[in-house]
Amino acid sequence: MVEDRPLPARVRGYTCECLPIIFEDCRAGGQGFIRRYDRSVSPWVIAESPRIKVSAAERLWRQLINGEAR
C-alpha cells in the first residue's frame, strides 16, 4: 500500500514558512533527503528527493539554499 503522506524523519533544517513552497532537510534510516511542500494548491503536494548518503544530501541542501540546485 502506498501512502500519500511523508514517512517520519528528523528535520534538520527548513526554509521560511512564510512562502508557499517549503523545503526540509531530512534524515531517516541513516540516509538524507529533501522534502518539498507546495502549499499553493489544495491539498498540499508533498514530494521527496531520493534517499541518498548524508554527505550528498548535505551538499544538495547547500545547493538548494544557495539557489544552485538543479
PDB file of N, CA and C in Angstrom:
ATOM      1  N   MET A   1       0.841  -1.175   0.000  1.00  0.00           N
ATOM      2  CA  MET A   1       0.000   0.000   0.000  1.00  0.00           C
ATOM      3  C   MET A   1       0.899   1.255   0.000  1.00  0.00           C
ATOM      4  N   VAL A   2       0.674   2.162  -0.912  1.00  0.00           N
ATOM      5  CA  VAL A   2       1.423   3.405  -0.997  1.00  0.00           C
ATOM      6  C   VAL A   2       0.648   4.493  -0.262  1.00  0.00           C
ATOM      7  N   GLU A   3       1.349   5.191   0.633  1.00  0.00           N
ATOM      8  CA  GLU A   3       0.702   6.266   1.382  1.00  0.00           C
ATOM      9  C   GLU A   3       0.964   7.601   0.712  1.00  0.00           C
ATOM     10  N   ASP A   4       0.027   8.532   0.867  1.00  0.00           N
ATOM     11  CA  ASP A   4       0.176   9.868   0.303  1.00  0.00           C
ATOM     12  C   ASP A   4       0.861  10.830   1.261  1.00  0.00           C
ATOM     13  N   ARG A   5       1.158  10.391   2.470  1.00  0.00           N
ATOM     14  CA  ARG A   5       1.802  11.290   3.413  1.00  0.00           C
ATOM     15  C   ARG A   5       3.261  10.882   3.598  1.00  0.00           C
ATOM     16  N   PRO A   6       4.103  11.837   3.975  1.00  0.00           N
ATOM     17  CA  PRO A   6       5.525  11.531   4.119  1.00  0.00           C
ATOM     18  C   PRO A   6       5.799  10.621   5.309  1.00  0.00           C
ATOM     19  N   LEU A   7       6.860   9.847   5.211  1.00  0.00           N
ATOM     20  CA  LEU A   7       7.275   8.991   6.310  1.00  0.00           C
ATOM     21  C   LEU A   7       7.952   9.836   7.385  1.00  0.00           C
ATOM     22  N   PRO A   8       7.959   9.352   8.626  1.00  0.00           N
ATOM     23  CA  PRO A   8       8.613  10.106   9.701  1.00  0.00           C
ATOM     24  C   PRO A   8      10.103  10.294   9.404  1.00  0.00           C
ATOM     25  N   ALA A   9      10.595  11.457   9.729  1.00  0.00           N
ATOM     26  CA  ALA A   9      12.005  11.762   9.526  1.00  0.00           C
ATOM     27  C   ALA A   9      12.401  12.847  10.516  1.00  0.00           C
ATOM     28  N   ARG A  10      13.681  12.930  10.776  1.00  0.00           N
ATOM     29  CA  ARG A  10      14.203  14.012  11.611  1.00  0.00           C
ATOM     30  C   ARG A  10      14.493  15.193  10.692  1.00  0.00           C
ATOM     31  N   VAL A  11      13.887  16.316  10.965  1.00  0.00           N
ATOM     32  CA  VAL A  11      14.076  17.520  10.147  1.00  0.00           C
ATOM     33  C   VAL A  11      15.231  18.312  10.745  1.00  0.00           C
ATOM     34  N   ARG A  12      16.278  18.511   9.944  1.00  0.00           N
ATOM     35  CA  ARG A  12      17.476  19.209  10.418  1.00  0.00           C
ATOM     36  C   ARG A  12      17.485  20.683  10.042  1.00  0.00           C
ATOM     37  N   GLY A  13      16.696  21.045   9.053  1.00  0.00           N
ATOM     38  CA  GLY A  13      16.614  22.433   8.631  1.00  0.00           C
ATOM     39  C   GLY A  13      15.410  22.610   7.733  1.00  0.00           C
ATOM     40  N   TYR A  14      15.005  23.856   7.554  1.00  0.00           N
ATOM     41  CA  TYR A  14      13.859  24.121   6.688  1.00  0.00           C
ATOM     42  C   TYR A  14      13.915  25.552   6.206  1.00  0.00           C
ATOM     43  N   THR A  15      13.197  25.806   5.128  1.00  0.00           N
ATOM     44  CA  THR A  15      13.131  27.161   4.582  1.00  0.00           C
ATOM     45  C   THR A  15      11.963  27.897   5.231  1.00  0.00           C
ATOM     46  N   CYS A  16      11.834  29.164   4.927  1.00  0.00           N
ATOM     47  CA  CYS A  16      10.863  30.046   5.562  1.00  0.00           C
ATOM     48  C   CYS A  16       9.423  29.567   5.388  1.00  0.00           C
ATOM     49  N   GLU A  17       8.698  29.528   6.496  1.00  0.00           N
ATOM     50  CA  GLU A  17       7.285  29.136   6.492  1.00  0.00           C
ATOM     51  C   GLU A  17       6.391  30.187   5.841  1.00  0.00           C
ATOM     52  N   CYS A  18       6.934  31.372   5.572  1.00  0.00           N
ATOM     53  CA  CYS A  18       6.120  32.453   5.014  1.00  0.00           C
ATOM     54  C   CYS A  18       5.892  32.286   3.508  1.00  0.00           C
ATOM     55  N   LEU A  19       6.584  31.361   2.877  1.00  0.00           N
ATOM     56  CA  LEU A  19       6.457  31.151   1.431  1.00  0.00           C
ATOM     57  C   LEU A  19       5.534  29.971   1.140  1.00  0.00           C
ATOM     58  N   PRO A  20       4.933  29.928  -0.051  1.00  0.00           N
ATOM     59  CA  PRO A  20       4.022  28.821  -0.363  1.00  0.00           C
ATOM     60  C   PRO A  20       4.746  27.494  -0.593  1.00  0.00           C
ATOM     61  N   ILE A  21       6.034  27.535  -0.928  1.00  0.00           N
ATOM     62  CA  ILE A  21       6.804  26.300  -1.116  1.00  0.00           C
ATOM     63  C   ILE A  21       7.874  26.250  -0.027  1.00  0.00           C
ATOM     64  N   ILE A  22       7.868  25.156   0.721  1.00  0.00           N
ATOM     65  CA  ILE A  22       8.788  24.967   1.840  1.00  0.00           C
ATOM     66  C   ILE A  22       9.624  23.719   1.567  1.00  0.00           C
ATOM     67  N   PHE A  23      10.895  23.795   1.917  1.00  0.00           N
ATOM     68  CA  PHE A  23      11.790  22.645   1.807  1.00  0.00           C
ATOM     69  C   PHE A  23      12.278  22.269   3.191  1.00  0.00           C
ATOM     70  N   GLU A  24      12.466  20.955   3.415  1.00  0.00           N
ATOM     71  CA  GLU A  24      13.012  20.453   4.665  1.00  0.00           C
ATOM     72  C   GLU A  24      14.226  19.582   4.369  1.00  0.00           C
ATOM     73  N   ASP A  25      15.256  19.725   5.175  1.00  0.00           N
ATOM     74  CA  ASP A  25      16.453  18.887   5.122  1.00  0.00           C
ATOM     75  C   ASP A  25      16.222  17.751   6.114  1.00  0.00           C
ATOM     76  N   CYS A  26      16.039  16.531   5.621  1.00  0.00           N
ATOM     77  CA  CYS A  26      15.599  15.414   6.455  1.00  0.00           C
ATOM     78  C   CYS A  26      16.617  14.281   6.522  1.00  0.00           C
ATOM     79  N   ARG A  27      16.541  13.525   7.630  1.00  0.00           N
ATOM     80  CA  ARG A  27      17.323  12.316   7.823  1.00  0.00           C
ATOM     81  C   ARG A  27      16.406  11.216   8.327  1.00  0.00           C
ATOM     82  N   ALA A  28      16.632  10.010   7.806  1.00  0.00           N
ATOM     83  CA  ALA A  28      15.884   8.835   8.266  1.00  0.00           C
ATOM     84  C   ALA A  28      16.648   7.590   7.852  1.00  0.00           C
ATOM     85  N   GLY A  29      16.752   6.645   8.752  1.00  0.00           N
ATOM     86  CA  GLY A  29      17.393   5.380   8.432  1.00  0.00           C
ATOM     87  C   GLY A  29      18.838   5.516   7.963  1.00  0.00           C
ATOM     88  N   GLY A  30      19.569   6.500   8.483  1.00  0.00           N
ATOM     89  CA  GLY A  30      20.969   6.678   8.104  1.00  0.00           C
ATOM     90  C   GLY A  30      21.166   7.324   6.751  1.00  0.00           C
ATOM     91  N   GLN A  31      20.110   7.822   6.160  1.00  0.00           N
ATOM     92  CA  GLN A  31      20.190   8.482   4.865  1.00  0.00           C
ATOM     93  C   GLN A  31      19.593   9.875   4.949  1.00  0.00           C
ATOM     94  N   GLY A  32      19.859  10.687   3.930  1.00  0.00           N
ATOM     95  CA  GLY A  32      19.324  12.034   3.880  1.00  0.00           C
ATOM     96  C   GLY A  32      18.461  12.236   2.649  1.00  0.00           C
ATOM     97  N   PHE A  33      17.576  13.225   2.719  1.00  0.00           N
ATOM     98  CA  PHE A  33      16.730  13.571   1.580  1.00  0.00           C
ATOM     99  C   PHE A  33      16.128  14.944   1.807  1.00  0.00           C
ATOM    100  N   ILE A  34      15.597  15.529   0.760  1.00  0.00           N
ATOM    101  CA  ILE A  34      14.940  16.826   0.827  1.00  0.00           C
ATOM    102  C   ILE A  34      13.449  16.605   0.603  1.00  0.00           C
ATOM    103  N   ARG A  35      12.651  17.189   1.480  1.00  0.00           N
ATOM    104  CA  ARG A  35      11.188  17.105   1.348  1.00  0.00           C
ATOM    105  C   ARG A  35      10.681  18.481   0.921  1.00  0.00           C
ATOM    106  N   ARG A  36       9.736  18.490  -0.018  1.00  0.00           N
ATOM    107  CA  ARG A  36       9.179  19.741  -0.567  1.00  0.00           C
ATOM    108  C   ARG A  36       7.674  19.764  -0.345  1.00  0.00           C
ATOM    109  N   TYR A  37       7.198  20.856   0.247  1.00  0.00           N
ATOM    110  CA  TYR A  37       5.766  21.075   0.437  1.00  0.00           C
ATOM    111  C   TYR A  37       5.331  22.208  -0.481  1.00  0.00           C
ATOM    112  N   ASP A  38       4.375  21.946  -1.349  1.00  0.00           N
ATOM    113  CA  ASP A  38       3.798  23.008  -2.188  1.00  0.00           C
ATOM    114  C   ASP A  38       2.441  23.346  -1.595  1.00  0.00           C
ATOM    115  N   ARG A  39       2.383  24.486  -0.908  1.00  0.00           N
ATOM    116  CA  ARG A  39       1.151  24.896  -0.241  1.00  0.00           C
ATOM    117  C   ARG A  39       0.332  25.852  -1.095  1.00  0.00           C
ATOM    118  N   SER A  40       0.710  26.011  -2.353  1.00  0.00           N
ATOM    119  CA  SER A  40      -0.046  26.901  -3.245  1.00  0.00           C
ATOM    120  C   SER A  40      -1.282  26.208  -3.820  1.00  0.00           C
ATOM    121  N   VAL A  41      -1.403  24.912  -3.567  1.00  0.00           N
ATOM    122  CA  VAL A  41      -2.545  24.132  -4.041  1.00  0.00           C
ATOM    123  C   VAL A  41      -3.204  23.438  -2.855  1.00  0.00           C
ATOM    124  N   SER A  42      -4.441  23.022  -3.051  1.00  0.00           N
ATOM    125  CA  SER A  42      -5.139  22.302  -2.003  1.00  0.00           C
ATOM    126  C   SER A  42      -5.683  21.003  -2.575  1.00  0.00           C
ATOM    127  N   PRO A  43      -5.364  19.873  -2.017  1.00  0.00           N
ATOM    128  CA  PRO A  43      -4.487  19.684  -0.867  1.00  0.00           C
ATOM    129  C   PRO A  43      -3.016  19.929  -1.242  1.00  0.00           C
ATOM    130  N   TRP A  44      -2.205  20.163  -0.226  1.00  0.00           N
ATOM    131  CA  TRP A  44      -0.783  20.397  -0.460  1.00  0.00           C
ATOM    132  C   TRP A  44      -0.165  19.218  -1.207  1.00  0.00           C
ATOM    133  N   VAL A  45       0.822  19.519  -2.031  1.00  0.00           N
ATOM    134  CA  VAL A  45       1.580  18.476  -2.722  1.00  0.00           C
ATOM    135  C   VAL A  45       2.903  18.312  -1.988  1.00  0.00           C
ATOM    136  N   ILE A  46       3.182  17.092  -1.552  1.00  0.00           N
ATOM    137  CA  ILE A  46       4.409  16.800  -0.824  1.00  0.00           C
ATOM    138  C   ILE A  46       5.236  15.833  -1.667  1.00  0.00           C
ATOM    139  N   ALA A  47       6.501  16.183  -1.881  1.00  0.00           N
ATOM    140  CA  ALA A  47       7.400  15.337  -2.670  1.00  0.00           C
ATOM    141  C   ALA A  47       8.724  15.203  -1.929  1.00  0.00           C
ATOM    142  N   GLU A  48       9.416  14.104  -2.171  1.00  0.00           N
ATOM    143  CA  GLU A  48      10.711  13.878  -1.544  1.00  0.00           C
ATOM    144  C   GLU A  48      11.733  13.512  -2.597  1.00  0.00           C
ATOM    145  N   SER A  49      12.966  13.961  -2.387  1.00  0.00           N
ATOM    146  CA  SER A  49      14.067  13.543  -3.248  1.00  0.00           C
ATOM    147  C   SER A  49      14.363  12.074  -2.940  1.00  0.00           C
ATOM    148  N   PRO A  50      15.126  11.423  -3.786  1.00  0.00           N
ATOM    149  CA  PRO A  50      15.560  10.062  -3.439  1.00  0.00           C
ATOM    150  C   PRO A  50      16.387  10.096  -2.147  1.00  0.00           C
ATOM    151  N   ARG A  51      16.370   9.010  -1.407  1.00  0.00           N
ATOM    152  CA  ARG A  51      17.194   8.913  -0.191  1.00  0.00           C
ATOM    153  C   ARG A  51      18.617   8.587  -0.628  1.00  0.00           C
ATOM    154  N   ILE A  52      19.533   9.392  -0.139  1.00  0.00           N
ATOM    155  CA  ILE A  52      20.932   9.304  -0.560  1.00  0.00           C
ATOM    156  C   ILE A  52      21.839   9.382   0.666  1.00  0.00           C
ATOM    157  N   LYS A  53      23.141   9.201   0.438  1.00  0.00           N
ATOM    158  CA  LYS A  53      24.102   9.326   1.534  1.00  0.00           C
ATOM    159  C   LYS A  53      23.959  10.696   2.186  1.00  0.00           C
ATOM    160  N   VAL A  54      24.193  10.748   3.494  1.00  0.00           N
ATOM    161  CA  VAL A  54      24.042  12.001   4.236  1.00  0.00           C
ATOM    162  C   VAL A  54      24.934  13.092   3.649  1.00  0.00           C
ATOM    163  N   SER A  55      26.172  12.774   3.282  1.00  0.00           N
ATOM    164  CA  SER A  55      27.071  13.789   2.729  1.00  0.00           C
ATOM    165  C   SER A  55      26.516  14.366   1.427  1.00  0.00           C
ATOM    166  N   ALA A  56      25.934  13.536   0.589  1.00  0.00           N
ATOM    167  CA  ALA A  56      25.337  14.009  -0.667  1.00  0.00           C
ATOM    168  C   ALA A  56      24.089  14.850  -0.382  1.00  0.00           C
ATOM    169  N   ALA A  57      23.307  14.448   0.625  1.00  0.00           N
ATOM    170  CA  ALA A  57      22.112  15.216   0.988  1.00  0.00           C
ATOM    171  C   ALA A  57      22.501  16.588   1.546  1.00  0.00           C
ATOM    172  N   GLU A  58      23.585  16.647   2.304  1.00  0.00           N
ATOM    173  CA  GLU A  58      24.058  17.933   2.824  1.00  0.00           C
ATOM    174  C   GLU A  58      24.503  18.846   1.689  1.00  0.00           C
ATOM    175  N   ARG A  59      25.174  18.283   0.693  1.00  0.00           N
ATOM    176  CA  ARG A  59      25.572  19.054  -0.498  1.00  0.00           C
ATOM    177  C   ARG A  59      24.342  19.575  -1.227  1.00  0.00           C
ATOM    178  N   LEU A  60      23.355  18.703  -1.426  1.00  0.00           N
ATOM    179  CA  LEU A  60      22.123  19.092  -2.110  1.00  0.00           C
ATOM    180  C   LEU A  60      21.408  20.209  -1.347  1.00  0.00           C
ATOM    181  N   TRP A  61      21.363  20.103  -0.025  1.00  0.00           N
ATOM    182  CA  TRP A  61      20.717  21.131   0.793  1.00  0.00           C
ATOM    183  C   TRP A  61      21.422  22.473   0.615  1.00  0.00           C
ATOM    184  N   ARG A  62      22.758  22.481   0.682  1.00  0.00           N
ATOM    185  CA  ARG A  62      23.515  23.730   0.498  1.00  0.00           C
ATOM    186  C   ARG A  62      23.251  24.327  -0.879  1.00  0.00           C
ATOM    187  N   GLN A  63      23.202  23.476  -1.903  1.00  0.00           N
ATOM    188  CA  GLN A  63      22.910  23.960  -3.265  1.00  0.00           C
ATOM    189  C   GLN A  63      21.517  24.569  -3.331  1.00  0.00           C
ATOM    190  N   LEU A  64      20.558  23.930  -2.695  1.00  0.00           N
ATOM    191  CA  LEU A  64      19.184  24.442  -2.688  1.00  0.00           C
ATOM    192  C   LEU A  64      19.118  25.810  -2.006  1.00  0.00           C
ATOM    193  N   ILE A  65      19.745  25.925  -0.840  1.00  0.00           N
ATOM    194  CA  ILE A  65      19.737  27.186  -0.085  1.00  0.00           C
ATOM    195  C   ILE A  65      20.446  28.289  -0.861  1.00  0.00           C
ATOM    196  N   ASN A  66      21.492  27.939  -1.593  1.00  0.00           N
ATOM    197  CA  ASN A  66      22.267  28.920  -2.355  1.00  0.00           C
ATOM    198  C   ASN A  66      21.682  29.189  -3.740  1.00  0.00           C
ATOM    199  N   GLY A  67      20.565  28.551  -4.086  1.00  0.00           N
ATOM    200  CA  GLY A  67      19.942  28.742  -5.386  1.00  0.00           C
ATOM    201  C   GLY A  67      20.697  28.080  -6.519  1.00  0.00           C
ATOM    202  N   GLU A  68      21.470  27.019  -6.221  1.00  0.00           N
ATOM    203  CA  GLU A  68      22.278  26.347  -7.218  1.00  0.00           C
ATOM    204  C   GLU A  68      21.775  24.942  -7.568  1.00  0.00           C
ATOM    205  N   ALA A  69      20.744  24.469  -6.891  1.00  0.00           N
ATOM    206  CA  ALA A  69      20.247  23.104  -7.119  1.00  0.00           C
ATOM    207  C   ALA A  69      19.606  23.009  -8.504  1.00  0.00           C
ATOM    208  N   ARG A  70      19.752  21.857  -9.108  1.00  0.00           N
ATOM    209  CA  ARG A  70      19.173  21.603 -10.437  1.00  0.00           C
ATOM    210  C   ARG A  70      18.182  20.484 -10.375  1.00  0.00           C
TER     211      ARG A  70
END
